[in-house]
Amino acid sequence: MGKPRFTEEFNIDAIKQITERGYSVADVSKRLEQ
């Protein structure tokens, strides 16, 4: 099993949720798992 690969758009959105919207890494991780 390899590491999951995500699109660049997905990664950028995840980073923006943390840096621009102030969400914690844990919160973003939980939201994206669903």
N, C-alpha and C. Protein backbone atom coordinates (compact mmCIF):
# COMPACT_ATOMS: atom_id res chain seq x y z
N MET A 1 0.84 -1.19 0.00
CA MET A 1 0.00 0.00 0.00
C MET A 1 0.87 1.24 0.00
N GLY A 2 0.60 2.12 -0.93
CA GLY A 2 1.36 3.36 -1.01
C GLY A 2 0.64 4.50 -0.32
N LYS A 3 1.33 5.57 -0.25
CA LYS A 3 0.77 6.79 0.33
C LYS A 3 -0.30 7.34 -0.63
N PRO A 4 -1.46 7.73 -0.12
CA PRO A 4 -2.50 8.25 -1.02
C PRO A 4 -2.05 9.54 -1.69
N ARG A 5 -2.39 9.70 -2.95
CA ARG A 5 -2.03 10.91 -3.70
C ARG A 5 -3.29 11.75 -3.89
N PHE A 6 -3.16 13.02 -3.66
CA PHE A 6 -4.28 13.93 -3.80
C PHE A 6 -3.96 14.95 -4.89
N THR A 7 -5.00 15.52 -5.46
CA THR A 7 -4.80 16.52 -6.50
C THR A 7 -4.21 17.79 -5.89
N GLU A 8 -3.56 18.58 -6.74
CA GLU A 8 -2.98 19.84 -6.28
C GLU A 8 -4.08 20.76 -5.74
N GLU A 9 -5.24 20.76 -6.40
CA GLU A 9 -6.36 21.59 -5.94
C GLU A 9 -6.81 21.18 -4.54
N PHE A 10 -6.89 19.89 -4.28
CA PHE A 10 -7.28 19.38 -2.97
C PHE A 10 -6.29 19.86 -1.91
N ASN A 11 -4.99 19.73 -2.21
CA ASN A 11 -3.96 20.13 -1.25
C ASN A 11 -4.00 21.63 -0.98
N ILE A 12 -4.18 22.43 -2.02
CA ILE A 12 -4.24 23.88 -1.85
C ILE A 12 -5.43 24.27 -0.98
N ASP A 13 -6.59 23.64 -1.23
CA ASP A 13 -7.77 23.94 -0.42
C ASP A 13 -7.55 23.58 1.05
N ALA A 14 -6.92 22.44 1.29
CA ALA A 14 -6.65 22.03 2.67
C ALA A 14 -5.74 23.04 3.36
N ILE A 15 -4.71 23.49 2.67
CA ILE A 15 -3.78 24.47 3.24
C ILE A 15 -4.48 25.79 3.51
N LYS A 16 -5.34 26.21 2.59
CA LYS A 16 -6.07 27.47 2.78
C LYS A 16 -6.99 27.41 3.99
N GLN A 17 -7.60 26.25 4.22
CA GLN A 17 -8.48 26.12 5.39
C GLN A 17 -7.69 26.35 6.68
N ILE A 18 -6.43 25.95 6.68
CA ILE A 18 -5.59 26.11 7.87
C ILE A 18 -5.06 27.53 7.96
N THR A 19 -4.48 28.04 6.87
CA THR A 19 -3.79 29.33 6.92
C THR A 19 -4.72 30.53 6.83
N GLU A 20 -5.76 30.45 5.99
CA GLU A 20 -6.62 31.61 5.78
C GLU A 20 -7.86 31.61 6.65
N ARG A 21 -8.39 30.44 6.94
CA ARG A 21 -9.64 30.37 7.69
C ARG A 21 -9.42 30.07 9.17
N GLY A 22 -8.19 29.74 9.54
CA GLY A 22 -7.88 29.56 10.94
C GLY A 22 -8.25 28.22 11.55
N TYR A 23 -8.60 27.24 10.71
CA TYR A 23 -8.91 25.91 11.24
C TYR A 23 -7.63 25.21 11.68
N SER A 24 -7.74 24.35 12.67
CA SER A 24 -6.57 23.57 13.09
C SER A 24 -6.35 22.43 12.11
N VAL A 25 -5.14 21.91 12.10
CA VAL A 25 -4.81 20.78 11.23
C VAL A 25 -5.72 19.60 11.54
N ALA A 26 -5.96 19.35 12.82
CA ALA A 26 -6.82 18.23 13.22
C ALA A 26 -8.24 18.42 12.69
N ASP A 27 -8.78 19.64 12.78
CA ASP A 27 -10.13 19.90 12.29
C ASP A 27 -10.23 19.68 10.78
N VAL A 28 -9.25 20.18 10.05
CA VAL A 28 -9.26 20.03 8.59
C VAL A 28 -9.14 18.56 8.23
N SER A 29 -8.29 17.84 8.93
CA SER A 29 -8.11 16.42 8.66
C SER A 29 -9.42 15.66 8.85
N LYS A 30 -10.12 15.95 9.93
CA LYS A 30 -11.39 15.28 10.20
C LYS A 30 -12.42 15.61 9.13
N ARG A 31 -12.47 16.87 8.72
CA ARG A 31 -13.46 17.30 7.73
C ARG A 31 -13.18 16.66 6.37
N LEU A 32 -11.92 16.49 6.01
CA LEU A 32 -11.57 15.95 4.71
C LEU A 32 -11.69 14.44 4.64
N GLU A 33 -11.70 13.77 5.77
CA GLU A 33 -11.84 12.31 5.79
C GLU A 33 -13.25 11.88 5.41
N GLN A 34 -14.22 12.75 5.58
CA GLN A 34 -15.62 12.39 5.35
C GLN A 34 -15.98 12.37 3.90
